[in-house]
Amino acid sequence: MWREIPQRYRLEGAVCKNCNFSFFPPRTICPNCGSKELNLQNFSQSGKVLSYTVIRKPPSDFETCEPYPVALIELLEGVKVICQLTDCDVDEISIGMPVEAVFRKVREDGEDGVVHYAIKFRPLTRDGNLSKK
């Protein structure tokens, strides 16, 4: 079932033909002008951290990850998404930090259950290369 939801596995959003507003995930109506004339678009995999928080008391499904950071990311197209950050220490995160999208395991349903994957973001160095982590 989860594999049939493209927004869980790629940054597929929409752009309004009427007002050119971009948004993620896609909807049937533009949240800016109400138009139904939309184009699906795959957004860039790069962006920057606008804000973040660290979850120190997670829900039971995420206890093995604690603490884990969640950030508001602005993609190159200006679209904003909220995603978990990965491959970094919480002390290394900063506002404006460049990041890129990666596909990572999110959780499992029990020891022998279904494994859920989704998009997370990892830091890039200032020169655009991957972080050493």
N, C-alpha and C. Protein backbone atom coordinates (compact mmCIF):
# COMPACT_ATOMS: atom_id res chain seq x y z
N MET A 1 0.82 -1.19 0.00
CA MET A 1 0.00 0.00 0.00
C MET A 1 0.87 1.26 0.00
N TRP A 2 1.90 1.33 0.89
CA TRP A 2 2.72 2.54 1.00
C TRP A 2 3.48 2.82 -0.28
N ARG A 3 3.82 1.77 -1.03
CA ARG A 3 4.59 1.96 -2.26
C ARG A 3 3.77 2.67 -3.35
N GLU A 4 2.47 2.74 -3.16
CA GLU A 4 1.60 3.39 -4.14
C GLU A 4 1.38 4.86 -3.83
N ILE A 5 2.09 5.41 -2.86
CA ILE A 5 2.00 6.82 -2.51
C ILE A 5 3.33 7.47 -2.90
N PRO A 6 3.43 8.04 -4.12
CA PRO A 6 4.72 8.54 -4.62
C PRO A 6 5.40 9.56 -3.71
N GLN A 7 4.63 10.35 -2.97
CA GLN A 7 5.23 11.39 -2.13
C GLN A 7 6.03 10.80 -0.97
N ARG A 8 5.85 9.54 -0.66
CA ARG A 8 6.63 8.90 0.40
C ARG A 8 8.03 8.55 -0.09
N TYR A 9 8.23 8.48 -1.41
CA TYR A 9 9.48 7.97 -1.96
C TYR A 9 10.22 8.95 -2.87
N ARG A 10 9.56 10.00 -3.24
CA ARG A 10 10.24 11.03 -4.05
C ARG A 10 9.54 12.36 -3.78
N LEU A 11 10.21 13.43 -4.07
CA LEU A 11 9.68 14.76 -3.80
C LEU A 11 8.79 15.19 -4.98
N GLU A 12 7.69 14.48 -5.16
CA GLU A 12 6.73 14.78 -6.22
C GLU A 12 5.65 15.69 -5.66
N GLY A 13 5.58 16.88 -6.20
CA GLY A 13 4.59 17.86 -5.78
C GLY A 13 3.83 18.36 -6.98
N ALA A 14 3.35 19.59 -6.88
CA ALA A 14 2.58 20.17 -7.97
C ALA A 14 2.89 21.65 -8.13
N VAL A 15 2.65 22.13 -9.35
CA VAL A 15 2.78 23.55 -9.67
C VAL A 15 1.47 23.97 -10.31
N CYS A 16 0.89 25.05 -9.81
CA CYS A 16 -0.36 25.56 -10.33
C CYS A 16 -0.13 26.24 -11.68
N LYS A 17 -0.93 25.88 -12.68
CA LYS A 17 -0.84 26.51 -13.99
C LYS A 17 -1.35 27.94 -13.96
N ASN A 18 -2.24 28.26 -13.03
CA ASN A 18 -2.86 29.58 -12.96
C ASN A 18 -1.95 30.61 -12.28
N CYS A 19 -1.41 30.27 -11.09
CA CYS A 19 -0.64 31.27 -10.33
C CYS A 19 0.84 30.90 -10.16
N ASN A 20 1.24 29.73 -10.68
CA ASN A 20 2.62 29.26 -10.64
C ASN A 20 3.10 28.92 -9.22
N PHE A 21 2.18 28.70 -8.28
CA PHE A 21 2.52 28.34 -6.91
C PHE A 21 2.93 26.87 -6.87
N SER A 22 4.05 26.56 -6.19
CA SER A 22 4.55 25.19 -6.06
C SER A 22 4.28 24.69 -4.65
N PHE A 23 3.90 23.41 -4.53
CA PHE A 23 3.62 22.86 -3.21
C PHE A 23 3.85 21.35 -3.17
N PHE A 24 4.10 20.87 -1.95
CA PHE A 24 4.32 19.46 -1.67
C PHE A 24 3.63 19.12 -0.38
N PRO A 25 2.92 18.00 -0.32
CA PRO A 25 2.62 17.06 -1.39
C PRO A 25 1.57 17.64 -2.34
N PRO A 26 1.36 16.99 -3.49
CA PRO A 26 0.37 17.52 -4.43
C PRO A 26 -1.04 17.40 -3.85
N ARG A 27 -1.88 18.31 -4.28
CA ARG A 27 -3.30 18.30 -3.89
C ARG A 27 -4.13 18.43 -5.17
N THR A 28 -5.42 18.30 -5.05
CA THR A 28 -6.28 18.43 -6.24
C THR A 28 -6.63 19.88 -6.53
N ILE A 29 -6.43 20.76 -5.53
CA ILE A 29 -6.73 22.18 -5.69
C ILE A 29 -5.55 22.99 -5.19
N CYS A 30 -5.18 24.04 -5.90
CA CYS A 30 -4.08 24.90 -5.48
C CYS A 30 -4.44 25.59 -4.15
N PRO A 31 -3.58 25.46 -3.13
CA PRO A 31 -3.87 26.11 -1.85
C PRO A 31 -3.71 27.63 -1.90
N ASN A 32 -3.13 28.15 -2.99
CA ASN A 32 -2.92 29.59 -3.12
C ASN A 32 -4.08 30.30 -3.81
N CYS A 33 -4.56 29.71 -4.93
CA CYS A 33 -5.61 30.41 -5.70
C CYS A 33 -6.88 29.59 -5.91
N GLY A 34 -6.86 28.31 -5.56
CA GLY A 34 -8.05 27.47 -5.72
C GLY A 34 -8.21 26.83 -7.09
N SER A 35 -7.26 27.03 -7.98
CA SER A 35 -7.35 26.45 -9.31
C SER A 35 -7.20 24.93 -9.25
N LYS A 36 -7.83 24.24 -10.19
CA LYS A 36 -7.67 22.79 -10.32
C LYS A 36 -6.72 22.44 -11.45
N GLU A 37 -6.17 23.45 -12.10
CA GLU A 37 -5.24 23.25 -13.21
C GLU A 37 -3.82 23.14 -12.66
N LEU A 38 -3.36 21.91 -12.46
CA LEU A 38 -2.07 21.67 -11.82
C LEU A 38 -1.20 20.75 -12.66
N ASN A 39 0.10 20.91 -12.57
CA ASN A 39 1.07 20.01 -13.18
C ASN A 39 1.85 19.32 -12.07
N LEU A 40 1.98 17.98 -12.15
CA LEU A 40 2.85 17.28 -11.21
C LEU A 40 4.30 17.62 -11.55
N GLN A 41 5.13 17.71 -10.53
CA GLN A 41 6.54 18.04 -10.75
C GLN A 41 7.39 17.33 -9.70
N ASN A 42 8.52 16.78 -10.14
CA ASN A 42 9.51 16.25 -9.22
C ASN A 42 10.43 17.39 -8.84
N PHE A 43 10.47 17.71 -7.54
CA PHE A 43 11.28 18.81 -7.06
C PHE A 43 12.73 18.37 -6.84
N SER A 44 13.61 19.34 -6.73
CA SER A 44 15.03 19.06 -6.53
C SER A 44 15.24 18.32 -5.22
N GLN A 45 16.36 17.66 -5.13
CA GLN A 45 16.71 16.89 -3.93
C GLN A 45 17.55 17.72 -2.97
N SER A 46 17.74 19.00 -3.25
CA SER A 46 18.60 19.85 -2.43
C SER A 46 17.81 21.00 -1.82
N GLY A 47 18.29 21.46 -0.66
CA GLY A 47 17.66 22.58 -0.01
C GLY A 47 18.48 23.06 1.17
N LYS A 48 17.83 23.80 2.06
CA LYS A 48 18.51 24.30 3.25
C LYS A 48 17.56 24.24 4.44
N VAL A 49 18.14 24.15 5.63
CA VAL A 49 17.37 24.09 6.86
C VAL A 49 16.89 25.50 7.22
N LEU A 50 15.58 25.67 7.36
CA LEU A 50 15.01 26.95 7.80
C LEU A 50 14.82 26.98 9.31
N SER A 51 14.45 25.84 9.87
CA SER A 51 14.24 25.71 11.31
C SER A 51 14.28 24.22 11.65
N TYR A 52 14.48 23.90 12.92
CA TYR A 52 14.50 22.49 13.30
C TYR A 52 14.20 22.35 14.79
N THR A 53 13.87 21.12 15.16
CA THR A 53 13.69 20.77 16.56
C THR A 53 14.26 19.38 16.76
N VAL A 54 14.54 19.03 18.00
CA VAL A 54 15.05 17.70 18.32
C VAL A 54 14.00 17.00 19.17
N ILE A 55 13.55 15.85 18.71
CA ILE A 55 12.56 15.05 19.43
C ILE A 55 13.31 14.17 20.42
N ARG A 56 13.11 14.44 21.69
CA ARG A 56 13.81 13.68 22.74
C ARG A 56 12.91 12.67 23.43
N LYS A 57 11.61 12.81 23.32
CA LYS A 57 10.63 11.86 23.87
C LYS A 57 9.70 11.44 22.73
N PRO A 58 10.17 10.53 21.89
CA PRO A 58 9.40 10.17 20.69
C PRO A 58 8.24 9.22 20.99
N PRO A 59 7.33 9.08 20.03
CA PRO A 59 6.28 8.07 20.13
C PRO A 59 6.93 6.68 20.14
N SER A 60 6.20 5.68 20.59
CA SER A 60 6.76 4.34 20.76
C SER A 60 7.38 3.75 19.50
N ASP A 61 6.85 4.06 18.33
CA ASP A 61 7.40 3.52 17.08
C ASP A 61 8.79 4.07 16.76
N PHE A 62 9.19 5.16 17.40
CA PHE A 62 10.45 5.82 17.07
C PHE A 62 11.44 5.85 18.23
N GLU A 63 11.18 5.06 19.27
CA GLU A 63 12.05 5.09 20.45
C GLU A 63 13.49 4.69 20.15
N THR A 64 13.69 3.82 19.17
CA THR A 64 15.06 3.39 18.83
C THR A 64 15.87 4.49 18.16
N CYS A 65 15.22 5.56 17.74
CA CYS A 65 15.90 6.65 17.04
C CYS A 65 16.23 7.84 17.94
N GLU A 66 15.76 7.83 19.17
CA GLU A 66 15.87 9.05 19.98
C GLU A 66 17.30 9.36 20.38
N PRO A 67 17.67 10.62 20.48
CA PRO A 67 16.92 11.77 19.98
C PRO A 67 17.07 11.88 18.46
N TYR A 68 16.06 12.43 17.82
CA TYR A 68 16.18 12.62 16.37
C TYR A 68 15.68 14.01 15.98
N PRO A 69 16.37 14.62 15.01
CA PRO A 69 16.00 15.97 14.56
C PRO A 69 14.97 15.94 13.44
N VAL A 70 14.07 16.90 13.47
CA VAL A 70 13.09 17.12 12.41
C VAL A 70 13.25 18.57 11.98
N ALA A 71 13.29 18.79 10.66
CA ALA A 71 13.58 20.14 10.17
C ALA A 71 12.55 20.61 9.15
N LEU A 72 12.40 21.93 9.08
CA LEU A 72 11.68 22.59 8.00
C LEU A 72 12.72 22.90 6.94
N ILE A 73 12.57 22.27 5.77
CA ILE A 73 13.54 22.39 4.68
C ILE A 73 12.92 23.21 3.55
N GLU A 74 13.70 24.16 3.03
CA GLU A 74 13.28 24.89 1.84
C GLU A 74 14.06 24.33 0.66
N LEU A 75 13.33 23.75 -0.31
CA LEU A 75 13.96 23.22 -1.51
C LEU A 75 14.39 24.35 -2.43
N LEU A 76 15.21 24.05 -3.43
CA LEU A 76 15.70 25.08 -4.35
C LEU A 76 14.57 25.84 -5.03
N GLU A 77 13.42 25.17 -5.25
CA GLU A 77 12.28 25.82 -5.91
C GLU A 77 11.47 26.69 -4.95
N GLY A 78 11.85 26.72 -3.68
CA GLY A 78 11.12 27.51 -2.70
C GLY A 78 10.06 26.73 -1.94
N VAL A 79 9.82 25.50 -2.32
CA VAL A 79 8.85 24.65 -1.65
C VAL A 79 9.39 24.27 -0.28
N LYS A 80 8.53 24.25 0.72
CA LYS A 80 8.94 23.90 2.08
C LYS A 80 8.38 22.54 2.46
N VAL A 81 9.24 21.69 3.04
CA VAL A 81 8.85 20.36 3.49
C VAL A 81 9.37 20.14 4.91
N ILE A 82 8.68 19.32 5.66
CA ILE A 82 9.13 18.95 6.99
C ILE A 82 9.59 17.50 6.93
N CYS A 83 10.84 17.27 7.30
CA CYS A 83 11.43 15.93 7.23
C CYS A 83 12.40 15.70 8.38
N GLN A 84 12.63 14.45 8.63
CA GLN A 84 13.64 14.06 9.61
C GLN A 84 15.02 14.25 9.00
N LEU A 85 15.97 14.71 9.81
CA LEU A 85 17.37 14.80 9.38
C LEU A 85 18.07 13.51 9.79
N THR A 86 19.04 13.09 8.99
CA THR A 86 19.77 11.87 9.26
C THR A 86 21.25 12.08 8.98
N ASP A 87 22.06 11.14 9.40
CA ASP A 87 23.51 11.15 9.15
C ASP A 87 24.20 12.37 9.75
N CYS A 88 23.72 12.84 10.90
CA CYS A 88 24.36 13.97 11.57
C CYS A 88 24.06 13.94 13.06
N ASP A 89 24.94 14.53 13.83
CA ASP A 89 24.69 14.71 15.26
C ASP A 89 23.80 15.92 15.43
N VAL A 90 22.94 15.91 16.44
CA VAL A 90 22.03 17.04 16.64
C VAL A 90 22.79 18.33 16.92
N ASP A 91 24.02 18.24 17.46
CA ASP A 91 24.82 19.43 17.74
C ASP A 91 25.40 20.06 16.47
N GLU A 92 25.39 19.34 15.36
CA GLU A 92 25.95 19.84 14.10
C GLU A 92 24.95 20.62 13.25
N ILE A 93 23.68 20.57 13.61
CA ILE A 93 22.63 21.19 12.79
C ILE A 93 22.65 22.70 12.98
N SER A 94 22.45 23.42 11.88
CA SER A 94 22.38 24.87 11.96
C SER A 94 21.37 25.40 10.95
N ILE A 95 20.81 26.56 11.25
CA ILE A 95 19.90 27.23 10.32
C ILE A 95 20.71 27.61 9.09
N GLY A 96 20.16 27.36 7.91
CA GLY A 96 20.84 27.65 6.66
C GLY A 96 21.72 26.51 6.16
N MET A 97 21.87 25.45 6.94
CA MET A 97 22.71 24.32 6.56
C MET A 97 22.18 23.68 5.27
N PRO A 98 23.05 23.49 4.28
CA PRO A 98 22.62 22.83 3.04
C PRO A 98 22.40 21.34 3.28
N VAL A 99 21.34 20.80 2.68
CA VAL A 99 20.98 19.40 2.85
C VAL A 99 20.55 18.80 1.51
N GLU A 100 20.55 17.45 1.46
CA GLU A 100 20.05 16.76 0.29
C GLU A 100 19.16 15.62 0.72
N ALA A 101 18.18 15.29 -0.12
CA ALA A 101 17.23 14.22 0.17
C ALA A 101 17.89 12.86 -0.02
N VAL A 102 17.56 11.93 0.89
CA VAL A 102 17.99 10.55 0.78
C VAL A 102 16.82 9.65 1.16
N PHE A 103 16.88 8.41 0.76
CA PHE A 103 15.84 7.44 1.03
C PHE A 103 16.32 6.55 2.17
N ARG A 104 15.59 6.54 3.29
CA ARG A 104 16.05 5.82 4.48
C ARG A 104 14.90 5.06 5.15
N LYS A 105 15.30 4.08 5.94
CA LYS A 105 14.34 3.33 6.76
C LYS A 105 13.78 4.26 7.84
N VAL A 106 12.49 4.20 8.05
CA VAL A 106 11.84 5.02 9.07
C VAL A 106 11.54 4.17 10.31
N ARG A 107 10.92 3.00 10.09
CA ARG A 107 10.57 2.14 11.22
C ARG A 107 10.16 0.77 10.71
N GLU A 108 9.99 -0.15 11.66
CA GLU A 108 9.49 -1.49 11.37
C GLU A 108 8.25 -1.75 12.21
N ASP A 109 7.34 -2.54 11.67
CA ASP A 109 6.17 -2.97 12.43
C ASP A 109 6.52 -4.29 13.12
N GLY A 110 7.06 -4.21 14.33
CA GLY A 110 7.45 -5.40 15.06
C GLY A 110 8.74 -5.99 14.52
N GLU A 111 9.23 -7.05 15.17
CA GLU A 111 10.51 -7.65 14.78
C GLU A 111 10.47 -8.26 13.39
N ASP A 112 9.36 -8.87 13.00
CA ASP A 112 9.24 -9.51 11.70
C ASP A 112 8.24 -8.79 10.79
N GLY A 113 8.00 -7.52 11.07
CA GLY A 113 6.96 -6.80 10.35
C GLY A 113 7.44 -6.07 9.12
N VAL A 114 6.57 -5.27 8.61
CA VAL A 114 6.82 -4.48 7.41
C VAL A 114 7.80 -3.36 7.74
N VAL A 115 8.76 -3.15 6.84
CA VAL A 115 9.72 -2.06 7.00
C VAL A 115 9.21 -0.87 6.20
N HIS A 116 9.15 0.30 6.84
CA HIS A 116 8.68 1.52 6.19
C HIS A 116 9.88 2.40 5.85
N TYR A 117 9.91 2.90 4.62
CA TYR A 117 10.96 3.79 4.16
C TYR A 117 10.34 5.12 3.77
N ALA A 118 11.15 6.17 3.78
CA ALA A 118 10.67 7.49 3.37
C ALA A 118 11.86 8.39 3.09
N ILE A 119 11.56 9.58 2.65
CA ILE A 119 12.60 10.59 2.40
C ILE A 119 13.02 11.22 3.71
N LYS A 120 14.32 11.34 3.88
CA LYS A 120 14.92 12.11 4.97
C LYS A 120 15.93 13.04 4.30
N PHE A 121 16.51 13.95 5.06
CA PHE A 121 17.54 14.83 4.52
C PHE A 121 18.82 14.67 5.32
N ARG A 122 19.95 14.74 4.63
CA ARG A 122 21.25 14.68 5.29
C ARG A 122 22.03 15.94 4.93
N PRO A 123 22.96 16.33 5.81
CA PRO A 123 23.71 17.57 5.58
C PRO A 123 24.72 17.44 4.46
N LEU A 124 24.97 18.57 3.81
CA LEU A 124 26.06 18.73 2.86
C LEU A 124 27.04 19.71 3.47
N THR A 125 28.29 19.64 3.06
CA THR A 125 29.25 20.64 3.51
C THR A 125 29.01 21.92 2.73
N ARG A 126 29.62 22.99 3.13
CA ARG A 126 29.41 24.30 2.46
C ARG A 126 29.79 24.27 0.99
N ASP A 127 30.72 23.37 0.60
CA ASP A 127 31.13 23.32 -0.81
C ASP A 127 30.24 22.39 -1.65
N GLY A 128 29.16 21.87 -1.02
CA GLY A 128 28.21 21.05 -1.75
C GLY A 128 28.50 19.58 -1.70
N ASN A 129 29.58 19.16 -1.04
CA ASN A 129 29.90 17.74 -0.92
C ASN A 129 29.17 17.16 0.26
N LEU A 130 29.09 15.83 0.29
CA LEU A 130 28.45 15.16 1.39
C LEU A 130 29.23 15.34 2.67
N SER A 131 28.52 15.38 3.77
CA SER A 131 29.14 15.42 5.08
C SER A 131 29.98 14.17 5.29
N LYS A 132 30.96 14.22 6.16
CA LYS A 132 31.85 13.09 6.43
C LYS A 132 31.12 11.94 7.13
N LYS A 133 29.98 12.15 7.72
CA LYS A 133 29.25 11.11 8.47
C LYS A 133 28.67 10.08 7.55
